[in-house]
Amino acid sequence: MSATTILRDVRITMRDGVQLSADIWIPAAGKEHPTILEVLPYRKDDYHRSADDELMGAVARRGYAGCRLDVRGTGRSDGIALDEYTEDETLDISK
């Protein structure tokens, strides 16, 4: 089983200055990896953490990076959650 690097609470600045929080699992070998992005409003640091570690750890051991991102206004991400599937949320993950 290969080692995986886990980066917690990585701050990603959006076009309007709001910072989102991500946890990122990186495979041990190489510098660039295809990445699986999971964006949810369910606070990555609560009850999802152990499941995320298991799932994204398995993803990383297979050569993919995994990224779990808190939607703006949820969890450790800044901003205000106004509704589900807002235009801002769509723009946050479109690039």
Protein backbone atom coordinates (compact mmCIF):
# COMPACT_ATOMS: atom_id res chain seq x y z
CA MET A 1 0.00 0.00 0.00
CA SER A 2 1.52 3.33 -1.04
CA ALA A 3 1.60 6.43 1.11
CA THR A 4 -0.88 9.23 0.58
CA THR A 5 -0.46 12.87 1.52
CA ILE A 6 -3.55 14.55 2.99
CA LEU A 7 -3.77 18.33 2.97
CA ARG A 8 -6.47 19.64 5.33
CA ASP A 9 -8.35 22.95 5.06
CA VAL A 10 -6.63 24.15 1.89
CA ARG A 11 -7.97 27.64 1.21
CA ILE A 12 -9.00 28.33 -2.41
CA THR A 13 -9.84 31.91 -3.32
CA MET A 14 -12.76 32.43 -5.68
CA ARG A 15 -13.20 35.26 -8.22
CA ASP A 16 -15.09 37.41 -5.65
CA GLY A 17 -12.54 36.90 -2.86
CA VAL A 18 -14.53 34.26 -0.94
CA GLN A 19 -12.29 31.46 0.28
CA LEU A 20 -13.50 27.88 0.08
CA SER A 21 -12.06 25.07 2.18
CA ALA A 22 -10.87 21.79 0.68
CA ASP A 23 -9.27 18.60 1.89
CA ILE A 24 -6.99 17.05 -0.74
CA TRP A 25 -5.61 13.50 -0.93
CA ILE A 26 -2.51 13.21 -3.11
CA PRO A 27 -0.92 9.98 -4.38
CA ALA A 28 2.64 9.36 -3.27
CA ALA A 29 4.27 9.19 -6.70
CA GLY A 30 4.49 11.79 -9.43
CA LYS A 31 3.69 15.47 -9.62
CA GLU A 32 0.44 15.67 -11.62
CA HIS A 33 -2.59 13.46 -11.22
CA PRO A 34 -6.09 13.33 -12.62
CA THR A 35 -8.35 14.63 -9.86
CA ILE A 36 -11.78 13.67 -8.60
CA LEU A 37 -13.61 16.68 -7.16
CA GLU A 38 -16.48 16.22 -4.72
CA VAL A 39 -18.42 19.37 -3.82
CA LEU A 40 -21.01 19.04 -1.06
CA PRO A 41 -22.71 21.30 1.49
CA TYR A 42 -22.44 18.74 4.28
CA ARG A 43 -19.36 20.04 6.15
CA LYS A 44 -16.38 17.86 5.33
CA ASP A 45 -15.03 18.07 8.89
CA ASP A 46 -18.08 16.57 10.60
CA TYR A 47 -19.34 13.03 10.24
CA HIS A 48 -18.07 12.74 6.64
CA ARG A 49 -14.37 12.90 7.55
CA SER A 50 -13.78 9.19 8.23
CA ALA A 51 -15.74 8.15 5.13
CA ASP A 52 -13.87 10.73 3.05
CA ASP A 53 -10.51 9.48 4.36
CA GLU A 54 -11.42 5.93 3.42
CA LEU A 55 -12.85 6.73 -0.03
CA MET A 56 -10.37 9.41 -1.09
CA GLY A 57 -7.48 7.40 0.37
CA ALA A 58 -8.48 4.50 -1.89
CA VAL A 59 -8.72 6.90 -4.83
CA ALA A 60 -5.23 8.27 -4.10
CA ARG A 61 -3.74 4.78 -3.80
CA ARG A 62 -4.98 4.17 -7.35
CA GLY A 63 -3.15 7.20 -8.75
CA TYR A 64 -5.85 9.88 -8.61
CA ALA A 65 -5.89 12.96 -6.43
CA GLY A 66 -9.12 13.46 -4.50
CA CYS A 67 -10.55 16.80 -3.42
CA ARG A 68 -13.49 17.31 -1.05
CA LEU A 69 -14.70 20.92 -1.12
CA ASP A 70 -17.15 22.63 1.23
CA VAL A 71 -19.65 24.76 -0.74
CA ARG A 72 -19.52 28.49 0.04
CA GLY A 73 -21.22 29.27 3.32
CA THR A 74 -20.95 25.70 4.61
CA GLY A 75 -18.39 23.96 6.79
CA ARG A 76 -15.11 25.86 6.83
CA SER A 77 -15.80 27.75 3.59
CA ASP A 78 -16.46 31.47 3.76
CA GLY A 79 -19.50 33.16 2.27
CA ILE A 80 -23.22 32.72 2.77
CA ALA A 81 -25.25 29.74 1.60
CA LEU A 82 -28.30 31.41 0.11
CA ASP A 83 -29.92 28.39 -1.55
CA GLU A 84 -29.01 25.12 -3.26
CA TYR A 85 -27.28 25.14 -6.64
CA THR A 86 -26.81 28.90 -6.86
CA GLU A 87 -25.04 30.60 -9.75
CA ASP A 88 -22.11 31.38 -7.43
CA GLU A 89 -21.73 27.67 -6.57
CA THR A 90 -21.72 26.79 -10.26
CA LEU A 91 -19.14 29.47 -11.03
CA ASP A 92 -16.98 28.32 -8.09
CA ILE A 93 -16.43 24.89 -9.65
CA SER A 94 -16.57 25.71 -13.35
CA LYS A 95 -12.86 26.48 -13.82
